[in-house]
């Protein structure tokens, strides 16, 4: 298109430069030819970008966020990771990327990120303790290799230890009889519902 505009320009100039109406016509056509020339340059630039393999293979820098998980031994837990990158619109999730999950250095599975960049994997541990979760993006044509870390806390559910002050179960005396401290059994009558309360919290 750019070459055609260059070929047309001398011909139009030679045909129209001698007459007054021709000058007016030439002044009208020249801006159109210039626009055609710039459109051709822009089109060639876009085509060169699309055909350039180095441009097509550019990878983006991304961040992998791994959520901490709390579970009981023998109970399935959901491992979660989110792959995001920064853009002019803020934080954007990257979908369609495979995420490899490791727990305590052992690969436990792979999950694909959705449209919001989140990947989920169900995992069951039979060991108690805090286990290191590592999620990785290893081989991706769009994203540079990256990883994130979290903690899988696996603990048995135990009943809490409850300490009850016996004095709290004794009815208060309006007027102290003696000024010296007395044994707990001598403080007075227990509250009416003391036994019921102890059974409820025991």
N, C-alpha and C. Protein backbone atom coordinates (compact mmCIF):
# COMPACT_ATOMS: atom_id res chain seq x y z
N UNK A 1 0.82 -1.20 0.00
CA UNK A 1 0.00 0.00 0.00
C UNK A 1 0.86 1.25 0.00
N UNK A 2 1.92 1.23 0.77
CA UNK A 2 2.82 2.38 0.81
C UNK A 2 3.49 2.59 -0.54
N UNK A 3 3.88 1.48 -1.22
CA UNK A 3 4.54 1.61 -2.52
C UNK A 3 3.57 2.12 -3.57
N UNK A 4 2.31 1.71 -3.51
CA UNK A 4 1.31 2.19 -4.46
C UNK A 4 1.10 3.69 -4.31
N UNK A 5 1.07 4.16 -3.07
CA UNK A 5 0.90 5.60 -2.86
C UNK A 5 2.07 6.37 -3.44
N UNK A 6 3.28 5.84 -3.32
CA UNK A 6 4.45 6.53 -3.87
C UNK A 6 4.41 6.55 -5.41
N UNK A 7 3.86 5.48 -6.02
CA UNK A 7 3.77 5.44 -7.49
C UNK A 7 2.71 6.38 -8.03
N UNK A 8 1.63 6.55 -7.28
CA UNK A 8 0.53 7.40 -7.75
C UNK A 8 0.87 8.87 -7.65
N UNK A 9 1.64 9.24 -6.66
CA UNK A 9 1.90 10.66 -6.39
C UNK A 9 2.54 11.39 -7.57
N UNK A 10 3.61 10.91 -8.23
CA UNK A 10 4.18 11.64 -9.37
C UNK A 10 3.20 11.78 -10.54
N UNK A 11 2.43 10.75 -10.80
CA UNK A 11 1.47 10.81 -11.91
C UNK A 11 0.41 11.87 -11.68
N UNK A 12 -0.14 11.89 -10.48
CA UNK A 12 -1.16 12.89 -10.17
C UNK A 12 -0.58 14.29 -10.22
N UNK A 13 0.64 14.43 -9.78
CA UNK A 13 1.27 15.75 -9.78
C UNK A 13 1.46 16.26 -11.21
N UNK A 14 1.92 15.38 -12.11
CA UNK A 14 2.17 15.80 -13.50
C UNK A 14 0.88 16.11 -14.24
N UNK A 15 -0.21 15.43 -13.91
CA UNK A 15 -1.47 15.65 -14.61
C UNK A 15 -2.20 16.90 -14.14
N UNK A 16 -2.05 17.26 -12.87
CA UNK A 16 -2.91 18.29 -12.30
C UNK A 16 -2.19 19.57 -11.94
N UNK A 17 -0.90 19.65 -12.09
CA UNK A 17 -0.16 20.81 -11.61
C UNK A 17 -0.33 22.02 -12.50
N UNK A 18 -0.77 21.84 -13.80
CA UNK A 18 -0.80 22.95 -14.75
C UNK A 18 -2.09 23.75 -14.68
N UNK A 19 -3.16 23.22 -14.17
CA UNK A 19 -4.44 23.93 -14.17
C UNK A 19 -4.84 24.30 -12.76
N UNK A 20 -5.59 25.36 -12.67
CA UNK A 20 -6.06 25.82 -11.36
C UNK A 20 -6.97 24.81 -10.71
N UNK A 21 -7.98 24.24 -11.46
CA UNK A 21 -8.78 23.19 -10.83
C UNK A 21 -7.94 22.00 -10.42
N UNK A 22 -6.88 21.72 -11.21
CA UNK A 22 -6.02 20.60 -10.87
C UNK A 22 -5.29 20.82 -9.57
N UNK A 23 -4.86 22.07 -9.33
CA UNK A 23 -4.18 22.36 -8.05
C UNK A 23 -5.13 22.12 -6.88
N UNK A 24 -6.38 22.53 -7.07
CA UNK A 24 -7.35 22.32 -5.99
C UNK A 24 -7.58 20.83 -5.75
N UNK A 25 -7.67 20.08 -6.85
CA UNK A 25 -7.87 18.63 -6.71
C UNK A 25 -6.67 17.97 -6.05
N UNK A 26 -5.47 18.43 -6.43
CA UNK A 26 -4.25 17.87 -5.84
C UNK A 26 -4.18 18.15 -4.35
N UNK A 27 -4.59 19.35 -3.96
CA UNK A 27 -4.58 19.67 -2.53
C UNK A 27 -5.57 18.80 -1.77
N UNK A 28 -6.60 18.35 -2.45
CA UNK A 28 -7.58 17.48 -1.79
C UNK A 28 -7.08 16.05 -1.68
N UNK A 29 -6.38 15.59 -2.71
CA UNK A 29 -5.97 14.19 -2.76
C UNK A 29 -4.72 13.92 -1.92
N UNK A 30 -3.82 14.90 -1.85
CA UNK A 30 -2.56 14.67 -1.14
C UNK A 30 -2.76 14.24 0.32
N UNK A 31 -3.65 14.90 1.09
CA UNK A 31 -3.85 14.42 2.47
C UNK A 31 -4.35 12.98 2.53
N UNK A 32 -5.18 12.59 1.56
CA UNK A 32 -5.66 11.21 1.55
C UNK A 32 -4.53 10.23 1.30
N UNK A 33 -3.62 10.62 0.39
CA UNK A 33 -2.48 9.75 0.11
C UNK A 33 -1.58 9.62 1.33
N UNK A 34 -1.40 10.74 2.04
CA UNK A 34 -0.56 10.68 3.25
C UNK A 34 -1.20 9.75 4.29
N UNK A 35 -2.53 9.82 4.43
CA UNK A 35 -3.20 8.93 5.38
C UNK A 35 -3.03 7.48 4.98
N UNK A 36 -3.13 7.22 3.66
CA UNK A 36 -2.92 5.85 3.19
C UNK A 36 -1.51 5.38 3.50
N UNK A 37 -0.55 6.28 3.38
CA UNK A 37 0.84 5.90 3.65
C UNK A 37 1.01 5.52 5.11
N UNK A 38 0.45 6.34 6.02
CA UNK A 38 0.60 6.04 7.44
C UNK A 38 -0.17 4.78 7.84
N UNK A 39 -1.31 4.56 7.18
CA UNK A 39 -2.04 3.32 7.45
C UNK A 39 -1.22 2.10 7.02
N UNK A 40 -0.53 2.24 5.89
CA UNK A 40 0.32 1.15 5.44
C UNK A 40 1.46 0.88 6.40
N UNK A 41 2.07 1.95 6.91
CA UNK A 41 3.16 1.78 7.88
C UNK A 41 2.66 1.11 9.15
N UNK A 42 1.48 1.54 9.63
CA UNK A 42 0.92 0.95 10.84
C UNK A 42 0.59 -0.53 10.64
N UNK A 43 0.01 -0.85 9.48
CA UNK A 43 -0.33 -2.23 9.19
C UNK A 43 0.91 -3.12 9.13
N UNK A 44 1.95 -2.62 8.48
CA UNK A 44 3.20 -3.40 8.41
C UNK A 44 3.81 -3.59 9.78
N UNK A 45 3.70 -2.58 10.64
CA UNK A 45 4.25 -2.70 12.00
C UNK A 45 3.52 -3.77 12.79
N UNK A 46 2.18 -3.77 12.69
CA UNK A 46 1.41 -4.78 13.41
C UNK A 46 1.71 -6.18 12.90
N UNK A 47 1.84 -6.31 11.58
CA UNK A 47 2.16 -7.63 11.03
C UNK A 47 3.53 -8.11 11.47
N UNK A 48 4.47 -7.20 11.56
CA UNK A 48 5.81 -7.59 11.99
C UNK A 48 5.82 -8.04 13.43
N UNK A 49 4.97 -7.41 14.28
CA UNK A 49 4.89 -7.84 15.67
C UNK A 49 4.28 -9.23 15.78
N UNK A 50 3.22 -9.48 15.01
CA UNK A 50 2.56 -10.78 15.09
C UNK A 50 3.41 -11.90 14.53
N UNK A 51 4.26 -11.58 13.55
CA UNK A 51 5.08 -12.62 12.94
C UNK A 51 6.41 -12.81 13.63
N UNK A 52 6.74 -11.94 14.55
CA UNK A 52 8.03 -12.03 15.25
C UNK A 52 7.94 -13.11 16.32
N UNK A 53 8.68 -14.21 16.21
CA UNK A 53 8.56 -15.28 17.20
C UNK A 53 9.01 -14.86 18.58
N UNK A 54 9.97 -13.98 18.68
CA UNK A 54 10.43 -13.55 20.01
C UNK A 54 9.34 -12.79 20.74
N UNK A 55 8.54 -11.99 20.01
CA UNK A 55 7.44 -11.27 20.64
C UNK A 55 6.33 -12.23 21.07
N UNK A 56 6.05 -13.23 20.24
CA UNK A 56 4.98 -14.17 20.56
C UNK A 56 5.35 -15.06 21.74
N UNK A 57 6.63 -15.30 21.97
CA UNK A 57 7.06 -16.20 23.03
C UNK A 57 7.41 -15.47 24.32
N UNK A 58 7.14 -14.19 24.42
CA UNK A 58 7.43 -13.47 25.64
C UNK A 58 6.61 -14.04 26.79
N UNK A 59 7.24 -14.20 27.95
CA UNK A 59 6.57 -14.70 29.14
C UNK A 59 6.40 -13.57 30.15
N UNK A 60 5.39 -13.72 31.00
CA UNK A 60 5.09 -12.70 31.99
C UNK A 60 5.58 -13.16 33.36
N UNK A 61 5.88 -12.19 34.21
CA UNK A 61 6.23 -12.48 35.59
C UNK A 61 4.94 -12.58 36.40
N UNK A 62 4.83 -13.64 37.20
CA UNK A 62 3.61 -13.87 37.98
C UNK A 62 3.98 -14.24 39.41
N UNK A 63 2.99 -14.15 40.28
CA UNK A 63 3.16 -14.49 41.69
C UNK A 63 2.21 -15.63 42.04
N UNK A 64 2.72 -16.61 42.78
CA UNK A 64 1.91 -17.76 43.19
C UNK A 64 1.68 -17.67 44.70
N UNK A 65 0.42 -17.55 45.09
CA UNK A 65 0.03 -17.40 46.50
C UNK A 65 -0.58 -18.72 46.97
N UNK A 66 -0.04 -19.27 48.06
CA UNK A 66 -0.52 -20.54 48.61
C UNK A 66 -1.19 -20.26 49.95
N UNK A 67 -2.42 -20.76 50.10
CA UNK A 67 -3.17 -20.56 51.34
C UNK A 67 -2.76 -21.60 52.38
N UNK A 68 -2.68 -21.16 53.66
CA UNK A 68 -2.46 -22.10 54.76
C UNK A 68 -3.73 -22.92 54.99
N UNK A 69 -3.54 -24.18 55.40
CA UNK A 69 -4.67 -25.10 55.57
C UNK A 69 -4.57 -25.76 56.94
N UNK A 70 -5.72 -25.93 57.60
CA UNK A 70 -5.79 -26.64 58.88
C UNK A 70 -6.70 -27.85 58.71
N UNK A 71 -6.21 -29.03 59.08
CA UNK A 71 -6.98 -30.26 58.89
C UNK A 71 -6.64 -31.25 60.00
N UNK A 72 -7.46 -32.30 60.09
CA UNK A 72 -7.20 -33.39 61.02
C UNK A 72 -6.55 -34.55 60.28
N UNK A 73 -5.69 -35.32 60.94
CA UNK A 73 -5.09 -36.48 60.29
C UNK A 73 -6.16 -37.45 59.79
N UNK A 74 -6.01 -37.90 58.54
CA UNK A 74 -6.98 -38.81 57.96
C UNK A 74 -8.19 -38.15 57.35
N UNK A 75 -8.29 -36.83 57.45
CA UNK A 75 -9.42 -36.09 56.88
C UNK A 75 -8.96 -35.33 55.64
N UNK A 76 -9.69 -35.43 54.52
CA UNK A 76 -9.27 -34.71 53.31
C UNK A 76 -9.24 -33.20 53.53
N UNK A 77 -8.21 -32.58 53.00
CA UNK A 77 -8.07 -31.12 53.04
C UNK A 77 -7.90 -30.62 51.61
N UNK A 78 -8.28 -29.38 51.38
CA UNK A 78 -8.18 -28.78 50.04
C UNK A 78 -6.99 -27.83 49.99
N UNK A 79 -6.00 -28.18 49.19
CA UNK A 79 -4.87 -27.29 48.96
C UNK A 79 -5.28 -26.26 47.91
N UNK A 80 -4.91 -25.01 48.16
CA UNK A 80 -5.33 -23.92 47.25
C UNK A 80 -4.15 -23.02 46.94
N UNK A 81 -4.02 -22.68 45.67
CA UNK A 81 -2.99 -21.74 45.22
C UNK A 81 -3.62 -20.81 44.18
N UNK A 82 -3.12 -19.58 44.12
CA UNK A 82 -3.63 -18.61 43.15
C UNK A 82 -2.47 -17.97 42.41
N UNK A 83 -2.55 -18.01 41.08
CA UNK A 83 -1.52 -17.45 40.21
C UNK A 83 -2.02 -16.10 39.68
N UNK A 84 -1.29 -15.02 39.99
CA UNK A 84 -1.72 -13.68 39.62
C UNK A 84 -0.54 -12.91 39.04
N UNK A 85 -0.87 -11.83 38.32
CA UNK A 85 0.13 -10.89 37.84
C UNK A 85 -0.42 -9.49 37.96
N UNK A 86 0.48 -8.51 37.97
CA UNK A 86 0.10 -7.11 38.07
C UNK A 86 -0.09 -6.53 36.68
N UNK A 87 -1.18 -5.80 36.49
CA UNK A 87 -1.46 -5.13 35.22
C UNK A 87 -1.96 -3.72 35.50
N UNK A 88 -2.28 -3.00 34.45
CA UNK A 88 -2.79 -1.63 34.62
C UNK A 88 -4.14 -1.65 35.32
N UNK A 89 -4.84 -2.77 35.28
CA UNK A 89 -6.14 -2.89 35.94
C UNK A 89 -6.02 -3.44 37.36
N UNK A 90 -4.80 -3.68 37.82
CA UNK A 90 -4.60 -4.23 39.16
C UNK A 90 -4.13 -5.68 39.10
N UNK A 91 -4.49 -6.45 40.12
CA UNK A 91 -4.11 -7.86 40.20
C UNK A 91 -5.06 -8.70 39.36
N UNK A 92 -4.50 -9.47 38.44
CA UNK A 92 -5.30 -10.27 37.51
C UNK A 92 -4.89 -11.73 37.64
N UNK A 93 -5.88 -12.63 37.73
CA UNK A 93 -5.60 -14.06 37.78
C UNK A 93 -5.26 -14.62 36.41
N UNK A 94 -4.39 -15.61 36.39
CA UNK A 94 -3.97 -16.25 35.14
C UNK A 94 -4.55 -17.66 35.09
N UNK A 95 -5.45 -17.89 34.17
CA UNK A 95 -6.09 -19.19 34.04
C UNK A 95 -5.39 -20.08 33.04
N UNK A 96 -5.71 -21.38 33.12
CA UNK A 96 -5.16 -22.34 32.17
C UNK A 96 -3.72 -22.71 32.39
N UNK A 97 -3.21 -22.54 33.62
CA UNK A 97 -1.82 -22.88 33.92
C UNK A 97 -1.77 -24.07 34.88
N UNK A 98 -0.92 -25.08 34.61
CA UNK A 98 -0.80 -26.22 35.52
C UNK A 98 0.03 -25.87 36.75
N UNK A 99 -0.50 -26.21 37.91
CA UNK A 99 0.18 -25.96 39.19
C UNK A 99 0.54 -27.31 39.81
N UNK A 100 1.80 -27.49 40.13
CA UNK A 100 2.28 -28.72 40.78
C UNK A 100 2.34 -28.48 42.28
N UNK A 101 1.69 -29.37 43.06
CA UNK A 101 1.67 -29.25 44.52
C UNK A 101 2.62 -30.28 45.14
N UNK A 102 3.38 -29.81 46.13
CA UNK A 102 4.24 -30.69 46.92
C UNK A 102 3.92 -30.49 48.40
N UNK A 103 3.98 -31.59 49.16
CA UNK A 103 3.83 -31.54 50.61
C UNK A 103 5.03 -32.25 51.22
N UNK A 104 5.78 -31.51 52.01
CA UNK A 104 7.00 -32.05 52.63
C UNK A 104 7.95 -32.64 51.59
N UNK A 105 8.09 -31.95 50.44
CA UNK A 105 9.03 -32.37 49.42
C UNK A 105 8.55 -33.47 48.50
N UNK A 106 7.33 -33.94 48.68
CA UNK A 106 6.78 -35.02 47.84
C UNK A 106 5.66 -34.47 46.97
N UNK A 107 5.74 -34.74 45.66
CA UNK A 107 4.69 -34.29 44.73
C UNK A 107 3.41 -35.07 45.01
N UNK A 108 2.31 -34.33 45.26
CA UNK A 108 1.04 -34.98 45.60
C UNK A 108 0.00 -34.80 44.50
N UNK A 109 0.28 -33.99 43.48
CA UNK A 109 -0.69 -33.84 42.39
C UNK A 109 -0.51 -32.55 41.63
N UNK A 110 -1.28 -32.42 40.56
CA UNK A 110 -1.26 -31.24 39.70
C UNK A 110 -2.69 -30.77 39.47
N UNK A 111 -2.89 -29.47 39.48
CA UNK A 111 -4.21 -28.89 39.23
C UNK A 111 -4.08 -27.72 38.28
N UNK A 112 -5.13 -27.46 37.52
CA UNK A 112 -5.15 -26.37 36.54
C UNK A 112 -5.84 -25.15 37.13
N UNK A 113 -5.28 -23.98 36.86
CA UNK A 113 -5.90 -22.75 37.36
C UNK A 113 -7.14 -22.42 36.53
N UNK A 114 -8.15 -21.86 37.22
CA UNK A 114 -9.35 -21.42 36.54
C UNK A 114 -9.21 -19.99 36.05
N UNK A 115 -10.34 -19.40 35.66
CA UNK A 115 -10.31 -18.05 35.13
C UNK A 115 -9.84 -17.01 36.12
N UNK A 116 -10.02 -17.27 37.43
CA UNK A 116 -9.57 -16.34 38.46
C UNK A 116 -8.16 -16.64 38.94
N UNK A 117 -7.50 -17.62 38.31
CA UNK A 117 -6.12 -17.96 38.68
C UNK A 117 -6.00 -18.94 39.83
N UNK A 118 -7.13 -19.47 40.34
CA UNK A 118 -7.09 -20.38 41.48
C UNK A 118 -7.02 -21.84 41.03
N UNK A 119 -6.24 -22.62 41.78
CA UNK A 119 -6.13 -24.06 41.54
C UNK A 119 -6.37 -24.78 42.86
N UNK A 120 -7.13 -25.89 42.81
CA UNK A 120 -7.48 -26.63 44.02
C UNK A 120 -7.08 -28.09 43.85
N UNK A 121 -6.62 -28.67 44.97
CA UNK A 121 -6.24 -30.08 44.97
C UNK A 121 -6.60 -30.68 46.32
N UNK A 122 -7.34 -31.79 46.30
CA UNK A 122 -7.71 -32.47 47.54
C UNK A 122 -6.58 -33.40 47.97
N UNK A 123 -6.25 -33.33 49.25
CA UNK A 123 -5.12 -34.11 49.76
C UNK A 123 -5.43 -34.55 51.18
N UNK A 124 -5.02 -35.77 51.52
CA UNK A 124 -5.23 -36.33 52.85
C UNK A 124 -3.89 -36.70 53.45
N UNK A 125 -3.63 -36.18 54.64
CA UNK A 125 -2.40 -36.53 55.35
C UNK A 125 -2.75 -37.35 56.58
N UNK A 126 -1.88 -38.29 56.91
CA UNK A 126 -2.09 -39.14 58.09
C UNK A 126 -1.06 -38.84 59.17
N UNK A 127 -0.27 -37.82 58.97
CA UNK A 127 0.77 -37.46 59.93
C UNK A 127 0.39 -36.17 60.64
N UNK A 128 0.67 -36.13 61.93
CA UNK A 128 0.42 -34.90 62.68
C UNK A 128 1.60 -33.94 62.52
N UNK A 129 1.31 -32.66 62.66
CA UNK A 129 2.37 -31.66 62.60
C UNK A 129 2.08 -30.60 61.55
N UNK A 130 3.02 -29.68 61.41
CA UNK A 130 2.94 -28.63 60.39
C UNK A 130 3.76 -29.06 59.18
N UNK A 131 3.11 -29.19 58.04
CA UNK A 131 3.75 -29.67 56.82
C UNK A 131 3.87 -28.52 55.82
N UNK A 132 5.01 -28.46 55.16
CA UNK A 132 5.27 -27.40 54.18
C UNK A 132 4.59 -27.73 52.85
N UNK A 133 3.80 -26.76 52.36
CA UNK A 133 3.17 -26.88 51.04
C UNK A 133 3.96 -26.00 50.07
N UNK A 134 4.35 -26.58 48.94
CA UNK A 134 5.02 -25.82 47.88
C UNK A 134 4.23 -26.02 46.60
N UNK A 135 3.83 -24.91 45.98
CA UNK A 135 3.14 -24.95 44.68
C UNK A 135 4.05 -24.30 43.64
N UNK A 136 4.13 -24.91 42.45
CA UNK A 136 5.07 -24.44 41.43
C UNK A 136 4.40 -24.34 40.06
N UNK A 137 4.87 -23.36 39.29
CA UNK A 137 4.62 -23.31 37.85
C UNK A 137 5.95 -23.67 37.20
N UNK A 138 6.02 -24.81 36.55
CA UNK A 138 7.30 -25.29 36.02
C UNK A 138 7.43 -25.05 34.52
N UNK A 139 6.61 -25.71 33.73
CA UNK A 139 6.71 -25.61 32.27
C UNK A 139 5.47 -24.92 31.73
N UNK A 140 5.60 -23.64 31.41
CA UNK A 140 4.48 -22.88 30.86
C UNK A 140 4.99 -22.00 29.73
N UNK A 141 4.26 -21.93 28.60
CA UNK A 141 4.69 -21.06 27.51
C UNK A 141 4.39 -19.58 27.76
N UNK A 142 3.60 -19.28 28.80
CA UNK A 142 3.20 -17.90 29.04
C UNK A 142 3.78 -17.29 30.31
N UNK A 143 4.17 -18.13 31.28
CA UNK A 143 4.56 -17.63 32.60
C UNK A 143 5.95 -18.14 32.94
N UNK A 144 6.77 -17.26 33.50
CA UNK A 144 8.09 -17.67 33.99
C UNK A 144 7.92 -18.61 35.18
N UNK A 145 8.84 -19.55 35.37
CA UNK A 145 8.75 -20.45 36.53
C UNK A 145 8.69 -19.66 37.84
N UNK A 146 7.78 -20.05 38.70
CA UNK A 146 7.61 -19.39 39.99
C UNK A 146 7.05 -20.39 40.98
N UNK A 147 7.12 -20.07 42.26
CA UNK A 147 6.60 -20.96 43.29
C UNK A 147 6.09 -20.14 44.47
N UNK A 148 5.23 -20.78 45.26
CA UNK A 148 4.70 -20.18 46.48
C UNK A 148 4.67 -21.23 47.58
N UNK A 149 4.62 -20.77 48.84
CA UNK A 149 4.69 -21.70 49.97
C UNK A 149 3.59 -21.40 50.98
N UNK A 150 3.15 -22.47 51.64
CA UNK A 150 2.16 -22.35 52.70
C UNK A 150 2.37 -23.46 53.71
N UNK A 151 1.47 -23.54 54.70
CA UNK A 151 1.58 -24.53 55.77
C UNK A 151 0.28 -25.34 55.85
N UNK A 152 0.43 -26.65 55.93
CA UNK A 152 -0.68 -27.55 56.21
C UNK A 152 -0.55 -28.01 57.65
N UNK A 153 -1.42 -27.50 58.50
CA UNK A 153 -1.43 -27.89 59.91
C UNK A 153 -2.34 -29.09 60.11
N UNK A 154 -1.77 -30.21 60.55
CA UNK A 154 -2.55 -31.44 60.74
C UNK A 154 -2.47 -31.83 62.21
N UNK A 155 -3.58 -31.61 62.93
CA UNK A 155 -3.60 -31.86 64.36
C UNK A 155 -4.90 -32.54 64.75
N UNK A 156 -4.81 -33.43 65.76
CA UNK A 156 -6.01 -34.08 66.26
C UNK A 156 -6.81 -33.11 67.13
N UNK A 157 -8.11 -33.27 67.07
CA UNK A 157 -8.98 -32.43 67.89
C UNK A 157 -9.08 -33.02 69.28
N UNK A 158 -8.63 -32.28 70.24
CA UNK A 158 -8.65 -32.75 71.62
C UNK A 158 -9.55 -31.86 72.48
N UNK A 159 -10.05 -32.45 73.56
CA UNK A 159 -10.89 -31.68 74.48
C UNK A 159 -10.01 -30.74 75.28
N UNK A 160 -10.48 -29.54 75.52
CA UNK A 160 -9.66 -28.58 76.28
C UNK A 160 -9.59 -28.98 77.76
N UNK A 161 -8.52 -28.54 78.39
CA UNK A 161 -8.35 -28.75 79.83
C UNK A 161 -9.04 -27.60 80.55
N UNK A 162 -9.96 -27.97 81.43
CA UNK A 162 -10.77 -26.96 82.13
C UNK A 162 -10.42 -26.97 83.61
N UNK A 163 -10.11 -25.81 84.13
CA UNK A 163 -9.82 -25.65 85.56
C UNK A 163 -10.94 -24.82 86.18
N UNK A 164 -11.55 -25.37 87.23
CA UNK A 164 -12.66 -24.70 87.90
C UNK A 164 -12.24 -24.35 89.32
N UNK A 165 -12.43 -23.11 89.69
CA UNK A 165 -12.15 -22.66 91.05
C UNK A 165 -13.33 -23.06 91.94
N UNK A 166 -13.06 -23.87 92.95
CA UNK A 166 -14.13 -24.36 93.81
C UNK A 166 -14.84 -23.22 94.53
N UNK A 167 -14.14 -22.16 94.81
CA UNK A 167 -14.76 -21.03 95.52
C UNK A 167 -15.90 -20.45 94.70
N UNK A 168 -15.80 -20.53 93.38
CA UNK A 168 -16.85 -19.96 92.53
C UNK A 168 -18.15 -20.75 92.63
N UNK A 169 -18.10 -21.98 93.17
CA UNK A 169 -19.30 -22.80 93.29
C UNK A 169 -19.97 -22.69 94.65
N UNK A 170 -19.41 -21.93 95.54
CA UNK A 170 -19.93 -21.80 96.90
C UNK A 170 -20.74 -20.51 97.01
N UNK A 171 -21.87 -20.63 97.69
CA UNK A 171 -22.69 -19.45 97.93
C UNK A 171 -21.93 -18.44 98.79
N UNK A 172 -22.07 -17.18 98.43
CA UNK A 172 -21.39 -16.14 99.18
C UNK A 172 -22.14 -15.81 100.47
N UNK A 173 -21.37 -15.60 101.51
CA UNK A 173 -21.95 -15.19 102.80
C UNK A 173 -22.10 -13.68 102.83
N UNK A 174 -23.21 -13.24 103.33
CA UNK A 174 -23.44 -11.80 103.41
C UNK A 174 -22.53 -11.15 104.45
N UNK A 175 -22.35 -11.83 105.60
CA UNK A 175 -21.51 -11.28 106.67
C UNK A 175 -20.49 -12.33 107.06
N UNK A 176 -19.21 -12.05 106.95
CA UNK A 176 -18.21 -13.04 107.34
C UNK A 176 -18.28 -13.33 108.82
N UNK A 177 -18.17 -14.61 109.17
CA UNK A 177 -18.23 -15.00 110.58
C UNK A 177 -16.91 -14.75 111.26
N UNK A 178 -15.82 -15.14 110.64
CA UNK A 178 -14.50 -14.98 111.22
C UNK A 178 -13.61 -14.21 110.26
N UNK A 179 -12.60 -13.59 110.80
CA UNK A 179 -11.65 -12.85 109.97
C UNK A 179 -10.49 -13.71 109.51
N UNK A 180 -10.42 -14.97 109.97
CA UNK A 180 -9.33 -15.86 109.57
C UNK A 180 -9.80 -16.70 108.40
N UNK A 181 -8.90 -17.10 107.46
CA UNK A 181 -9.30 -17.94 106.32
C UNK A 181 -9.70 -19.32 106.78
N UNK A 182 -10.69 -19.89 106.13
CA UNK A 182 -11.20 -21.21 106.45
C UNK A 182 -10.96 -22.16 105.28
N UNK A 183 -10.96 -23.46 105.51
CA UNK A 183 -10.85 -24.41 104.41
C UNK A 183 -12.03 -24.27 103.45
N UNK A 184 -11.82 -24.77 102.25
CA UNK A 184 -12.86 -24.63 101.23
C UNK A 184 -14.14 -25.33 101.66
N UNK A 185 -14.01 -26.49 102.31
CA UNK A 185 -15.19 -27.24 102.72
C UNK A 185 -15.98 -26.53 103.80
N UNK A 186 -15.37 -25.56 104.42
CA UNK A 186 -16.04 -24.85 105.50
C UNK A 186 -16.56 -23.50 105.08
N UNK A 187 -16.52 -23.19 103.79
CA UNK A 187 -16.92 -21.86 103.34
C UNK A 187 -18.43 -21.69 103.27
N UNK A 188 -19.16 -22.77 103.17
CA UNK A 188 -20.61 -22.63 103.10
C UNK A 188 -21.24 -23.66 102.20
N UNK A 189 -22.48 -23.36 101.82
CA UNK A 189 -23.29 -24.28 101.02
C UNK A 189 -23.00 -24.08 99.53
N UNK A 190 -22.86 -25.16 98.75
CA UNK A 190 -22.64 -25.00 97.31
C UNK A 190 -23.85 -24.35 96.63
N UNK A 191 -23.59 -23.76 95.49
CA UNK A 191 -24.68 -23.20 94.69
C UNK A 191 -25.64 -24.32 94.27
N UNK A 192 -26.90 -23.94 94.07
CA UNK A 192 -27.92 -24.95 93.77
C UNK A 192 -27.65 -25.68 92.46
N UNK A 193 -27.16 -24.96 91.46
CA UNK A 193 -26.94 -25.59 90.15
C UNK A 193 -25.47 -25.86 89.87
N UNK A 194 -24.64 -25.93 90.90
CA UNK A 194 -23.20 -26.14 90.71
C UNK A 194 -22.92 -27.49 90.04
N UNK A 195 -23.60 -28.54 90.50
CA UNK A 195 -23.37 -29.87 89.93
C UNK A 195 -23.79 -29.91 88.45
N UNK A 196 -24.90 -29.23 88.11
CA UNK A 196 -25.36 -29.21 86.72
C UNK A 196 -24.36 -28.50 85.82
N UNK A 197 -23.82 -27.38 86.29
CA UNK A 197 -22.85 -26.63 85.50
C UNK A 197 -21.59 -27.45 85.27
N UNK A 198 -21.13 -28.16 86.28
CA UNK A 198 -19.93 -28.98 86.13
C UNK A 198 -20.15 -30.10 85.12
N UNK A 199 -21.36 -30.70 85.12
CA UNK A 199 -21.64 -31.75 84.14
C UNK A 199 -21.65 -31.20 82.71
N UNK A 200 -22.14 -29.97 82.55
CA UNK A 200 -22.22 -29.39 81.21
C UNK A 200 -20.85 -29.07 80.63
N UNK A 201 -19.93 -28.62 81.47
CA UNK A 201 -18.61 -28.24 80.97
C UNK A 201 -17.62 -29.39 81.07
N UNK A 202 -18.01 -30.48 81.71
CA UNK A 202 -17.09 -31.59 81.89
C UNK A 202 -17.04 -32.52 80.70
